[in-house]
Amino acid sequence: DGPLKVEDCLAFDQMHYLGEEAMNETGNALKAEKGKKLMDIGSGFGGPARYMALKFECEVIGLELQHELVQGCTNLSERMNAQLQGR
């Protein structure tokens, strides 16, 4: 039990081309770091946003129109102790 880790969810949380590799390249290109704020528009369940928040220690706001996806994002983010605000 206990909190989930990024690695626990990679198989379904990073369902885009190049997965984790793409997220690391994006984080480096954005100079993501502690104290920096990012926004993910159309964030769905928040996988990429959660990854950035946890791996790069930055604050991320995920914007999503579908309320059910925001609820799922919030639930997973809380279980992973991610600084991600789903809206």
N, C-alpha and C. Protein backbone atom coordinates (compact mmCIF):
# COMPACT_ATOMS: atom_id res chain seq x y z
N ASP A 1 0.82 -1.19 0.00
CA ASP A 1 0.00 0.00 0.00
C ASP A 1 0.87 1.25 0.00
N GLY A 2 0.38 2.32 0.58
CA GLY A 2 1.12 3.58 0.60
C GLY A 2 0.88 4.36 -0.68
N PRO A 3 1.57 5.47 -0.82
CA PRO A 3 1.36 6.31 -2.00
C PRO A 3 1.86 5.62 -3.27
N LEU A 4 1.20 5.95 -4.38
CA LEU A 4 1.66 5.45 -5.69
C LEU A 4 2.89 6.24 -6.12
N LYS A 5 3.70 5.63 -6.95
CA LYS A 5 4.87 6.29 -7.53
C LYS A 5 4.63 6.47 -9.03
N VAL A 6 5.34 7.40 -9.63
CA VAL A 6 5.24 7.63 -11.07
C VAL A 6 5.42 6.31 -11.82
N GLU A 7 6.39 5.53 -11.41
CA GLU A 7 6.71 4.28 -12.09
C GLU A 7 5.55 3.28 -12.04
N ASP A 8 4.73 3.36 -11.00
CA ASP A 8 3.58 2.46 -10.88
C ASP A 8 2.55 2.69 -11.98
N CYS A 9 2.53 3.88 -12.54
CA CYS A 9 1.46 4.26 -13.47
C CYS A 9 1.94 4.56 -14.89
N LEU A 10 3.22 4.38 -15.17
CA LEU A 10 3.75 4.76 -16.49
C LEU A 10 3.02 4.06 -17.63
N ALA A 11 2.64 2.81 -17.46
CA ALA A 11 2.04 2.04 -18.55
C ALA A 11 0.74 2.66 -19.04
N PHE A 12 -0.03 3.32 -18.17
CA PHE A 12 -1.29 3.92 -18.61
C PHE A 12 -1.32 5.44 -18.45
N ASP A 13 -0.36 6.02 -17.74
CA ASP A 13 -0.36 7.46 -17.48
C ASP A 13 0.38 8.24 -18.57
N GLN A 14 1.19 7.57 -19.38
CA GLN A 14 1.97 8.24 -20.42
C GLN A 14 1.66 7.62 -21.78
N MET A 15 0.40 7.70 -22.16
CA MET A 15 -0.05 7.08 -23.41
C MET A 15 0.10 8.05 -24.58
N HIS A 16 1.34 8.40 -24.88
CA HIS A 16 1.66 9.27 -26.01
C HIS A 16 2.99 8.80 -26.58
N TYR A 17 3.33 9.27 -27.75
CA TYR A 17 4.57 8.85 -28.39
C TYR A 17 5.77 9.13 -27.51
N LEU A 18 6.65 8.18 -27.41
CA LEU A 18 7.92 8.23 -26.67
C LEU A 18 7.77 8.27 -25.16
N GLY A 19 6.55 8.25 -24.63
CA GLY A 19 6.31 8.09 -23.21
C GLY A 19 7.20 8.93 -22.30
N GLU A 20 7.87 8.25 -21.38
CA GLU A 20 8.69 8.92 -20.37
C GLU A 20 9.82 9.74 -21.00
N GLU A 21 10.39 9.23 -22.07
CA GLU A 21 11.48 9.94 -22.76
C GLU A 21 11.01 11.32 -23.23
N ALA A 22 9.80 11.38 -23.80
CA ALA A 22 9.25 12.65 -24.26
C ALA A 22 9.03 13.62 -23.10
N MET A 23 8.58 13.07 -21.97
CA MET A 23 8.35 13.93 -20.81
C MET A 23 9.64 14.51 -20.27
N ASN A 24 10.70 13.71 -20.24
CA ASN A 24 11.99 14.22 -19.78
C ASN A 24 12.53 15.29 -20.72
N GLU A 25 12.39 15.07 -22.03
CA GLU A 25 12.84 16.08 -22.99
C GLU A 25 12.03 17.36 -22.86
N THR A 26 10.73 17.23 -22.67
CA THR A 26 9.87 18.41 -22.51
C THR A 26 10.21 19.17 -21.23
N GLY A 27 10.38 18.45 -20.13
CA GLY A 27 10.74 19.08 -18.88
C GLY A 27 12.06 19.83 -18.97
N ASN A 28 13.02 19.22 -19.63
CA ASN A 28 14.32 19.88 -19.80
C ASN A 28 14.21 21.11 -20.71
N ALA A 29 13.44 21.00 -21.80
CA ALA A 29 13.26 22.13 -22.71
C ALA A 29 12.56 23.30 -22.03
N LEU A 30 11.61 22.99 -21.13
CA LEU A 30 10.88 24.04 -20.40
C LEU A 30 11.65 24.55 -19.18
N LYS A 31 12.79 23.94 -18.92
CA LYS A 31 13.57 24.26 -17.72
C LYS A 31 12.70 24.12 -16.47
N ALA A 32 11.91 23.04 -16.46
CA ALA A 32 11.02 22.76 -15.33
C ALA A 32 11.87 22.47 -14.09
N GLU A 33 11.50 23.09 -12.99
CA GLU A 33 12.25 22.91 -11.74
C GLU A 33 11.37 23.34 -10.58
N LYS A 34 11.84 23.07 -9.39
CA LYS A 34 11.11 23.43 -8.17
C LYS A 34 10.81 24.93 -8.18
N GLY A 35 9.56 25.27 -7.88
CA GLY A 35 9.15 26.67 -7.85
C GLY A 35 8.56 27.16 -9.15
N LYS A 36 8.77 26.44 -10.25
CA LYS A 36 8.23 26.85 -11.54
C LYS A 36 6.79 26.36 -11.66
N LYS A 37 5.95 27.12 -12.35
CA LYS A 37 4.55 26.75 -12.55
C LYS A 37 4.32 26.45 -14.02
N LEU A 38 3.61 25.35 -14.28
CA LEU A 38 3.26 24.94 -15.64
C LEU A 38 1.77 24.72 -15.74
N MET A 39 1.24 24.77 -16.97
CA MET A 39 -0.17 24.50 -17.20
C MET A 39 -0.29 23.46 -18.31
N ASP A 40 -1.16 22.48 -18.09
CA ASP A 40 -1.46 21.45 -19.08
C ASP A 40 -2.91 21.62 -19.50
N ILE A 41 -3.12 22.07 -20.74
CA ILE A 41 -4.47 22.32 -21.24
C ILE A 41 -4.98 21.08 -21.95
N GLY A 42 -6.17 20.63 -21.55
CA GLY A 42 -6.72 19.38 -22.06
C GLY A 42 -6.00 18.21 -21.41
N SER A 43 -5.88 18.27 -20.10
CA SER A 43 -5.01 17.35 -19.36
C SER A 43 -5.56 15.95 -19.15
N GLY A 44 -6.83 15.72 -19.44
CA GLY A 44 -7.39 14.37 -19.26
C GLY A 44 -7.21 13.89 -17.83
N PHE A 45 -6.68 12.69 -17.67
CA PHE A 45 -6.42 12.14 -16.33
C PHE A 45 -5.16 12.74 -15.70
N GLY A 46 -4.44 13.58 -16.43
CA GLY A 46 -3.32 14.31 -15.85
C GLY A 46 -1.98 13.61 -15.84
N GLY A 47 -1.81 12.55 -16.61
CA GLY A 47 -0.56 11.80 -16.59
C GLY A 47 0.68 12.64 -16.84
N PRO A 48 0.77 13.34 -17.98
CA PRO A 48 1.95 14.17 -18.25
C PRO A 48 2.14 15.28 -17.20
N ALA A 49 1.04 15.90 -16.78
CA ALA A 49 1.14 16.97 -15.78
C ALA A 49 1.66 16.42 -14.45
N ARG A 50 1.15 15.26 -14.07
CA ARG A 50 1.57 14.62 -12.82
C ARG A 50 3.05 14.24 -12.90
N TYR A 51 3.47 13.74 -14.04
CA TYR A 51 4.88 13.37 -14.23
C TYR A 51 5.77 14.60 -14.02
N MET A 52 5.39 15.72 -14.65
CA MET A 52 6.19 16.94 -14.51
C MET A 52 6.25 17.40 -13.06
N ALA A 53 5.09 17.35 -12.38
CA ALA A 53 5.04 17.78 -10.99
C ALA A 53 5.94 16.92 -10.10
N LEU A 54 5.93 15.63 -10.34
CA LEU A 54 6.70 14.72 -9.47
C LEU A 54 8.18 14.64 -9.85
N LYS A 55 8.48 14.53 -11.11
CA LYS A 55 9.88 14.36 -11.53
C LYS A 55 10.68 15.65 -11.51
N PHE A 56 10.00 16.77 -11.80
CA PHE A 56 10.71 18.05 -11.87
C PHE A 56 10.38 18.95 -10.68
N GLU A 57 9.54 18.46 -9.77
CA GLU A 57 9.17 19.17 -8.55
C GLU A 57 8.60 20.56 -8.80
N CYS A 58 7.84 20.71 -9.90
CA CYS A 58 7.22 22.00 -10.18
C CYS A 58 5.72 21.89 -9.90
N GLU A 59 5.06 23.02 -9.87
CA GLU A 59 3.61 23.06 -9.64
C GLU A 59 2.92 23.08 -11.01
N VAL A 60 1.92 22.23 -11.18
CA VAL A 60 1.23 22.14 -12.46
C VAL A 60 -0.27 22.29 -12.26
N ILE A 61 -0.89 23.06 -13.13
CA ILE A 61 -2.34 23.17 -13.18
C ILE A 61 -2.79 22.44 -14.43
N GLY A 62 -3.69 21.47 -14.26
CA GLY A 62 -4.24 20.73 -15.39
C GLY A 62 -5.65 21.22 -15.68
N LEU A 63 -5.90 21.71 -16.88
CA LEU A 63 -7.23 22.18 -17.27
C LEU A 63 -7.91 21.12 -18.14
N GLU A 64 -9.10 20.73 -17.74
CA GLU A 64 -9.85 19.70 -18.45
C GLU A 64 -11.34 20.04 -18.39
N LEU A 65 -12.05 19.90 -19.51
CA LEU A 65 -13.48 20.21 -19.56
C LEU A 65 -14.35 19.11 -18.97
N GLN A 66 -13.92 17.87 -19.05
CA GLN A 66 -14.75 16.75 -18.58
C GLN A 66 -14.55 16.52 -17.09
N HIS A 67 -15.62 16.77 -16.34
CA HIS A 67 -15.57 16.70 -14.88
C HIS A 67 -15.09 15.33 -14.38
N GLU A 68 -15.50 14.26 -15.03
CA GLU A 68 -15.10 12.91 -14.60
C GLU A 68 -13.58 12.72 -14.71
N LEU A 69 -12.99 13.29 -15.74
CA LEU A 69 -11.54 13.19 -15.89
C LEU A 69 -10.81 14.01 -14.83
N VAL A 70 -11.37 15.16 -14.49
CA VAL A 70 -10.78 15.98 -13.42
C VAL A 70 -10.81 15.21 -12.10
N GLN A 71 -11.92 14.53 -11.82
CA GLN A 71 -12.02 13.73 -10.60
C GLN A 71 -10.97 12.61 -10.58
N GLY A 72 -10.81 11.93 -11.70
CA GLY A 72 -9.80 10.87 -11.79
C GLY A 72 -8.40 11.42 -11.64
N CYS A 73 -8.15 12.56 -12.26
CA CYS A 73 -6.84 13.21 -12.14
C CYS A 73 -6.55 13.59 -10.69
N THR A 74 -7.53 14.18 -10.03
CA THR A 74 -7.36 14.60 -8.64
C THR A 74 -7.10 13.40 -7.74
N ASN A 75 -7.84 12.33 -7.94
CA ASN A 75 -7.67 11.12 -7.14
C ASN A 75 -6.27 10.54 -7.30
N LEU A 76 -5.84 10.34 -8.53
CA LEU A 76 -4.49 9.79 -8.75
C LEU A 76 -3.41 10.72 -8.22
N SER A 77 -3.58 12.02 -8.45
CA SER A 77 -2.57 12.99 -8.01
C SER A 77 -2.44 12.99 -6.49
N GLU A 78 -3.55 12.90 -5.78
CA GLU A 78 -3.50 12.85 -4.32
C GLU A 78 -2.80 11.58 -3.86
N ARG A 79 -3.07 10.45 -4.52
CA ARG A 79 -2.44 9.18 -4.14
C ARG A 79 -0.95 9.18 -4.43
N MET A 80 -0.50 10.07 -5.32
CA MET A 80 0.92 10.14 -5.67
C MET A 80 1.61 11.33 -4.99
N ASN A 81 0.86 12.10 -4.20
CA ASN A 81 1.40 13.30 -3.55
C ASN A 81 1.98 14.28 -4.57
N ALA A 82 1.30 14.44 -5.69
CA ALA A 82 1.75 15.35 -6.74
C ALA A 82 1.16 16.73 -6.53
N GLN A 83 1.95 17.76 -6.83
CA GLN A 83 1.45 19.13 -6.76
C GLN A 83 0.78 19.46 -8.08
N LEU A 84 -0.39 18.88 -8.27
CA LEU A 84 -1.15 19.07 -9.50
C LEU A 84 -2.57 19.47 -9.12
N GLN A 85 -3.01 20.58 -9.66
CA GLN A 85 -4.37 21.05 -9.43
C GLN A 85 -5.19 20.79 -10.68
N GLY A 86 -6.14 19.88 -10.59
CA GLY A 86 -7.03 19.63 -11.72
C GLY A 86 -8.22 20.57 -11.67
N ARG A 87 -8.50 21.21 -12.79
CA ARG A 87 -9.62 22.17 -12.87
C ARG A 87 -10.43 21.89 -14.12
